[in-house]
Amino acid sequence: MPALLLHLTAVERLSAEAEQLPKEISCALTEDIEYARLGAALSDLPEYGGLLSGWREPPRFCRLFHARAPVGLGLKMAELVAMGALVGTEAGMAFVSGYFTHLCLDRQLNPLVERLAARQRRPRETLREAHRRIEWLQALFFLRELHGSDLMGTRLLRSKLQISKRRGFPTQGIGRGLYELVRLSSREALREAPTKEEMDSWVRGLYLHGLFLSSPLGRLRGLPSHSGLSERELYRGPEVDFPAELKGALEVCKQVLGRLASFIRRGSFTRRTRERFLAELPEGSIDSCAA
């Protein structure tokens, strides 16, 4: 699955191309980009519940969000947003748009990462470690291409990890309305849900992670000076064109968000309409399916 930093950047790219999206989603991404980032981060947020995120085995809720019923979870959240429940319609639309963006990117890009990990795995490196290394480098290469420099250790990077309207340390964690949106949807789709305290710890953990990456110490996670070979092997070279793959994934996102907007606009969440949506975006693990 792509690095969280790439998911958050993908939401920004969709917002920058808002004219290609349904009006309600375009407005939501423009007005509430932070909620869109939070939605895009949701499936990975459990990774940040502890101090050592990223390389250990994924936490339980991270596995559940990715594998048990990710499309069903998103549809239930969309249904609650369509009802005007718990959060404002625009904020809710931004949140579910970010969520489905994460889902689409994972499904579209994971097969490429799997092929690269099998081919570029280092001696004594586990397959998961190879995945995470490749995903991280791809995100850094893309950000460098987008902004002209490595963002590690800069204020701009910190802004990309901003998932709250309030600046500063998120003492109160996730908003109550957004938490209830996740809790109720997770209860129905996954048959269990994280507590408010758990989600608050994830949000605070991501904030601290952003502080680290945007500090001088964050440069330790930046691109190494000898990254030219990695760029050709993992990002753009004779056997890989990650920017083209990402562009294709974003086009899929736009198509899915168009269907999602129509779904929410009609407000009809019957079994038949759900089956129609699932026929176009099948249920299954975020990581292992192609949208």
Protein backbone atom coordinates (compact mmCIF):
# COMPACT_ATOMS: atom_id res chain seq x y z
CA MET A 1 0.00 0.00 0.00
CA PRO A 2 1.33 3.48 -0.79
CA ALA A 3 2.85 5.55 2.02
CA LEU A 4 0.42 7.74 3.95
CA LEU A 5 2.28 10.82 2.74
CA LEU A 6 1.38 9.88 -0.84
CA HIS A 7 -2.30 9.44 0.08
CA LEU A 8 -2.41 12.91 1.61
CA THR A 9 -0.68 14.40 -1.42
CA ALA A 10 -3.12 12.60 -3.73
CA VAL A 11 -6.04 14.35 -2.01
CA GLU A 12 -4.31 17.67 -2.68
CA ARG A 13 -3.83 16.74 -6.34
CA LEU A 14 -7.53 15.95 -6.67
CA SER A 15 -8.39 19.28 -5.03
CA ALA A 16 -6.12 21.06 -7.52
CA GLU A 17 -8.10 19.43 -10.36
CA ALA A 18 -11.45 20.16 -8.76
CA GLU A 19 -13.05 21.16 -12.07
CA GLN A 20 -12.91 17.48 -13.06
CA LEU A 21 -14.93 16.39 -10.01
CA PRO A 22 -18.64 16.67 -9.16
CA LYS A 23 -19.46 20.11 -7.79
CA GLU A 24 -20.27 18.95 -4.26
CA ILE A 25 -17.00 17.04 -3.95
CA SER A 26 -15.04 19.88 -5.53
CA CYS A 27 -16.45 22.33 -2.96
CA ALA A 28 -15.86 19.91 -0.10
CA LEU A 29 -12.20 19.37 -1.01
CA THR A 30 -11.68 23.11 -1.43
CA GLU A 31 -13.33 24.12 1.85
CA ASP A 32 -12.44 21.14 4.05
CA ILE A 33 -9.15 19.70 2.77
CA GLU A 34 -8.17 18.82 6.37
CA TYR A 35 -11.18 16.50 6.69
CA ALA A 36 -10.31 14.98 3.33
CA ARG A 37 -6.80 14.29 4.61
CA LEU A 38 -8.24 12.73 7.76
CA GLY A 39 -10.43 10.45 5.63
CA ALA A 40 -7.43 9.53 3.48
CA ALA A 41 -5.41 8.79 6.63
CA LEU A 42 -8.08 6.75 8.44
CA SER A 43 -7.03 3.27 7.31
CA ASP A 44 -3.39 3.93 8.26
CA LEU A 45 -3.99 5.96 11.43
CA PRO A 46 -3.67 2.97 13.82
CA GLU A 47 0.00 2.82 12.75
CA TYR A 48 0.57 6.00 14.77
CA GLY A 49 -0.81 4.80 18.08
CA GLY A 50 2.70 4.08 19.37
CA LEU A 51 6.11 5.69 19.20
CA LEU A 52 7.57 3.20 16.71
CA SER A 53 5.27 3.41 13.72
CA GLY A 54 5.88 2.15 10.23
CA TRP A 55 8.13 -0.92 10.37
CA ARG A 56 6.60 -3.28 12.93
CA GLU A 57 3.63 -5.48 12.08
CA PRO A 58 0.51 -3.37 11.42
CA PRO A 59 -1.83 -2.89 14.40
CA ARG A 60 -5.06 -4.84 14.51
CA PHE A 61 -7.36 -2.01 13.45
CA CYS A 62 -5.05 -1.19 10.59
CA ARG A 63 -5.53 -4.75 9.32
CA LEU A 64 -9.30 -4.56 9.86
CA PHE A 65 -9.68 -1.25 8.03
CA HIS A 66 -7.71 -2.59 5.08
CA ALA A 67 -9.00 -6.13 4.81
CA ARG A 68 -12.37 -6.90 6.38
CA ALA A 69 -14.90 -4.75 4.46
CA PRO A 70 -13.30 -1.49 3.33
CA VAL A 71 -15.90 -0.67 0.66
CA GLY A 72 -18.78 -1.48 3.01
CA LEU A 73 -17.24 0.78 5.64
CA GLY A 74 -16.99 3.62 3.14
CA LEU A 75 -20.57 3.12 1.94
CA LYS A 76 -21.93 3.24 5.49
CA MET A 77 -20.04 6.46 6.15
CA ALA A 78 -21.42 7.86 2.89
CA GLU A 79 -24.95 6.90 3.94
CA LEU A 80 -24.61 8.75 7.25
CA VAL A 81 -23.21 11.79 5.44
CA ALA A 82 -26.14 11.72 2.98
CA MET A 83 -28.52 11.75 5.97
CA GLY A 84 -26.81 14.86 7.30
CA ALA A 85 -25.92 12.98 10.45
CA LEU A 86 -23.11 13.71 12.92
CA VAL A 87 -21.06 16.13 10.78
CA GLY A 88 -21.81 18.86 8.27
CA THR A 89 -22.54 17.62 4.75
CA GLU A 90 -19.51 19.35 3.22
CA ALA A 91 -17.12 18.15 5.93
CA GLY A 92 -18.56 14.64 5.68
CA MET A 93 -18.29 14.67 1.90
CA ALA A 94 -14.63 15.68 2.16
CA PHE A 95 -13.98 12.92 4.70
CA VAL A 96 -15.53 10.10 2.64
CA SER A 97 -13.87 11.44 -0.53
CA GLY A 98 -10.50 11.17 1.19
CA TYR A 99 -11.36 7.69 2.41
CA PHE A 100 -12.26 6.41 -1.05
CA THR A 101 -9.16 8.09 -2.50
CA HIS A 102 -7.02 5.99 -0.17
CA LEU A 103 -8.93 2.87 -1.12
CA CYS A 104 -8.51 3.47 -4.87
CA LEU A 105 -4.82 4.33 -4.66
CA ASP A 106 -4.02 1.26 -2.60
CA ARG A 107 -5.81 -1.06 -4.99
CA GLN A 108 -4.33 0.51 -8.11
CA LEU A 109 -0.72 0.89 -6.94
CA ASN A 110 -0.23 -2.14 -4.72
CA PRO A 111 0.34 -4.60 -7.61
CA LEU A 112 3.24 -2.43 -8.82
CA VAL A 113 4.76 -2.30 -5.34
CA GLU A 114 4.41 -6.08 -5.00
CA ARG A 115 6.31 -6.65 -8.24
CA LEU A 116 9.04 -4.21 -7.25
CA ALA A 117 9.36 -5.64 -3.73
CA ALA A 118 9.80 -9.16 -5.10
CA ARG A 119 12.47 -7.95 -7.52
CA GLN A 120 14.27 -5.35 -5.37
CA ARG A 121 14.14 -7.01 -1.96
CA ARG A 122 17.46 -6.72 -0.16
CA PRO A 123 19.26 -9.58 1.60
CA ARG A 124 17.74 -10.22 5.04
CA GLU A 125 14.93 -7.76 4.31
CA THR A 126 11.41 -9.08 4.88
CA LEU A 127 8.84 -8.61 2.14
CA ARG A 128 6.94 -6.15 4.34
CA GLU A 129 10.11 -4.14 4.96
CA ALA A 130 10.77 -4.06 1.21
CA HIS A 131 7.21 -2.85 0.62
CA ARG A 132 7.51 -0.04 3.16
CA ARG A 133 10.92 1.07 1.91
CA ILE A 134 9.75 1.20 -1.71
CA GLU A 135 6.49 2.99 -0.87
CA TRP A 136 8.36 5.59 1.17
CA LEU A 137 10.92 6.27 -1.55
CA GLN A 138 8.21 6.55 -4.21
CA ALA A 139 6.40 9.15 -2.10
CA LEU A 140 9.62 11.14 -1.59
CA PHE A 141 10.52 11.02 -5.28
CA PHE A 142 7.04 12.22 -6.21
CA LEU A 143 7.10 15.08 -3.70
CA ARG A 144 10.53 16.14 -4.92
CA GLU A 145 9.29 16.15 -8.50
CA LEU A 146 6.17 18.07 -7.49
CA HIS A 147 7.89 20.72 -5.36
CA GLY A 148 11.42 20.75 -6.76
CA SER A 149 13.17 19.67 -3.55
CA ASP A 150 13.16 17.08 -0.79
CA LEU A 151 10.56 18.18 1.77
CA MET A 152 11.92 16.26 4.75
CA GLY A 153 12.79 18.66 7.55
CA THR A 154 10.65 21.53 6.20
CA ARG A 155 7.51 23.36 7.32
CA LEU A 156 5.79 22.51 4.05
CA LEU A 157 5.92 18.82 4.92
CA ARG A 158 4.23 19.51 8.24
CA SER A 159 1.35 21.25 6.49
CA LYS A 160 0.78 18.18 4.32
CA LEU A 161 0.13 16.13 7.47
CA GLN A 162 -2.42 18.60 8.86
CA ILE A 163 -5.61 16.58 9.43
CA SER A 164 -7.33 18.97 11.83
CA LYS A 165 -8.86 22.42 11.36
CA ARG A 166 -7.21 23.48 14.61
CA ARG A 167 -3.52 24.22 14.49
CA GLY A 168 -1.23 22.98 17.20
CA PHE A 169 -1.25 19.81 19.28
CA PRO A 170 -4.64 18.03 18.97
CA THR A 171 -5.35 17.83 22.69
CA GLN A 172 -8.95 16.78 22.12
CA GLY A 173 -8.04 14.28 19.38
CA ILE A 174 -10.66 13.62 16.72
CA GLY A 175 -13.93 15.59 16.75
CA ARG A 176 -16.88 13.83 18.36
CA GLY A 177 -19.02 13.95 15.22
CA LEU A 178 -16.33 12.44 13.00
CA TYR A 179 -15.58 9.83 15.64
CA GLU A 180 -19.26 8.79 15.76
CA LEU A 181 -19.29 8.62 11.97
CA VAL A 182 -16.40 6.15 12.09
CA ARG A 183 -17.71 4.26 15.12
CA LEU A 184 -21.21 3.63 13.79
CA SER A 185 -19.95 2.72 10.33
CA SER A 186 -17.24 0.45 11.71
CA ARG A 187 -19.73 -1.30 14.00
CA GLU A 188 -21.96 -2.14 11.07
CA ALA A 189 -19.32 -2.97 8.44
CA LEU A 190 -16.56 -4.49 10.58
CA ARG A 191 -18.65 -5.62 13.59
CA GLU A 192 -16.38 -3.70 15.95
CA ALA A 193 -15.01 -0.19 16.30
CA PRO A 194 -12.11 1.64 17.95
CA THR A 195 -12.78 3.67 21.07
CA LYS A 196 -12.58 7.45 21.09
CA GLU A 197 -9.45 7.18 23.23
CA GLU A 198 -7.79 4.93 20.66
CA MET A 199 -8.59 7.24 17.75
CA ASP A 200 -7.45 10.26 19.75
CA SER A 201 -4.10 8.57 20.36
CA TRP A 202 -3.73 7.85 16.62
CA VAL A 203 -4.41 11.49 15.72
CA ARG A 204 -1.93 12.76 18.31
CA GLY A 205 0.63 10.20 17.16
CA LEU A 206 0.38 11.37 13.56
CA TYR A 207 0.80 14.97 14.72
CA LEU A 208 3.99 14.06 16.61
CA HIS A 209 5.20 12.09 13.59
CA GLY A 210 4.69 15.19 11.47
CA LEU A 211 6.65 17.29 13.96
CA PHE A 212 9.55 14.85 13.69
CA LEU A 213 9.54 14.71 9.89
CA SER A 214 9.37 18.50 9.57
CA SER A 215 12.20 19.05 12.08
CA PRO A 216 15.92 18.91 11.23
CA LEU A 217 15.85 15.28 12.42
CA GLY A 218 13.33 14.54 9.68
CA ARG A 219 16.10 14.89 7.11
CA LEU A 220 17.31 11.49 8.31
CA ARG A 221 14.20 10.06 6.59
CA GLY A 222 14.82 12.04 3.40
CA LEU A 223 16.24 10.89 0.11
CA PRO A 224 19.86 9.68 0.39
CA SER A 225 22.45 11.44 -1.74
CA HIS A 226 23.00 8.23 -3.73
CA SER A 227 19.31 7.79 -4.60
CA GLY A 228 19.76 7.97 -8.38
CA LEU A 229 19.85 4.21 -8.83
CA SER A 230 16.81 3.74 -6.58
CA GLU A 231 14.94 6.34 -8.61
CA ARG A 232 15.55 4.44 -11.85
CA GLU A 233 14.64 1.11 -10.27
CA LEU A 234 11.63 2.16 -8.20
CA TYR A 235 10.24 5.40 -9.62
CA ARG A 236 11.00 6.13 -13.26
CA GLY A 237 13.20 3.95 -15.42
CA PRO A 238 13.19 1.32 -18.16
CA GLU A 239 10.97 -1.05 -16.15
CA VAL A 240 8.84 1.31 -14.05
CA ASP A 241 6.93 4.56 -14.54
CA PHE A 242 5.46 5.42 -11.17
CA PRO A 243 4.20 8.91 -12.16
CA ALA A 244 2.17 7.34 -14.97
CA GLU A 245 0.81 4.68 -12.61
CA LEU A 246 -0.15 7.36 -10.09
CA LYS A 247 -1.83 9.45 -12.77
CA GLY A 248 -3.88 6.42 -13.79
CA ALA A 249 -4.79 5.76 -10.16
CA LEU A 250 -5.99 9.35 -9.74
CA GLU A 251 -8.19 8.97 -12.83
CA VAL A 252 -9.77 5.90 -11.22
CA CYS A 253 -10.29 7.98 -8.05
CA LYS A 254 -12.16 10.62 -10.06
CA GLN A 255 -14.44 7.99 -11.57
CA VAL A 256 -15.19 6.44 -8.18
CA LEU A 257 -15.78 9.83 -6.55
CA GLY A 258 -18.19 10.68 -9.37
CA ARG A 259 -20.19 7.51 -8.64
CA LEU A 260 -19.99 8.24 -4.91
CA ALA A 261 -21.34 11.78 -5.37
CA SER A 262 -24.27 10.44 -7.40
CA PHE A 263 -24.89 7.80 -4.73
CA ILE A 264 -24.97 10.40 -1.94
CA ARG A 265 -27.01 12.85 -4.03
CA ARG A 266 -29.79 10.30 -4.53
CA GLY A 267 -29.68 9.30 -0.87
CA SER A 268 -30.88 5.81 -1.78
CA PHE A 269 -28.91 3.18 0.11
CA THR A 270 -31.03 0.16 -0.67
CA ARG A 271 -29.61 -3.30 -1.11
CA ARG A 272 -29.94 -2.99 -4.88
CA THR A 273 -28.10 0.33 -5.11
CA ARG A 274 -25.35 -0.99 -2.85
CA GLU A 275 -24.96 -4.07 -5.04
CA ARG A 276 -24.72 -1.82 -8.09
CA PHE A 277 -21.95 0.21 -6.45
CA LEU A 278 -20.14 -2.96 -5.33
CA ALA A 279 -20.34 -4.37 -8.84
CA GLU A 280 -18.19 -1.43 -9.98
CA LEU A 281 -15.99 -1.28 -6.88
CA PRO A 282 -15.91 -4.85 -5.49
CA GLU A 283 -15.55 -5.59 -1.83
CA GLY A 284 -12.25 -7.07 -0.70
CA SER A 285 -8.91 -6.14 0.78
CA ILE A 286 -7.70 -2.64 -0.07
CA ASP A 287 -4.25 -4.01 -0.82
CA SER A 288 -4.91 -7.00 -3.02
CA CYS A 289 -7.65 -6.00 -5.47
CA ALA A 290 -7.67 -3.84 -8.55
CA ALA A 291 -10.42 -1.23 -8.61
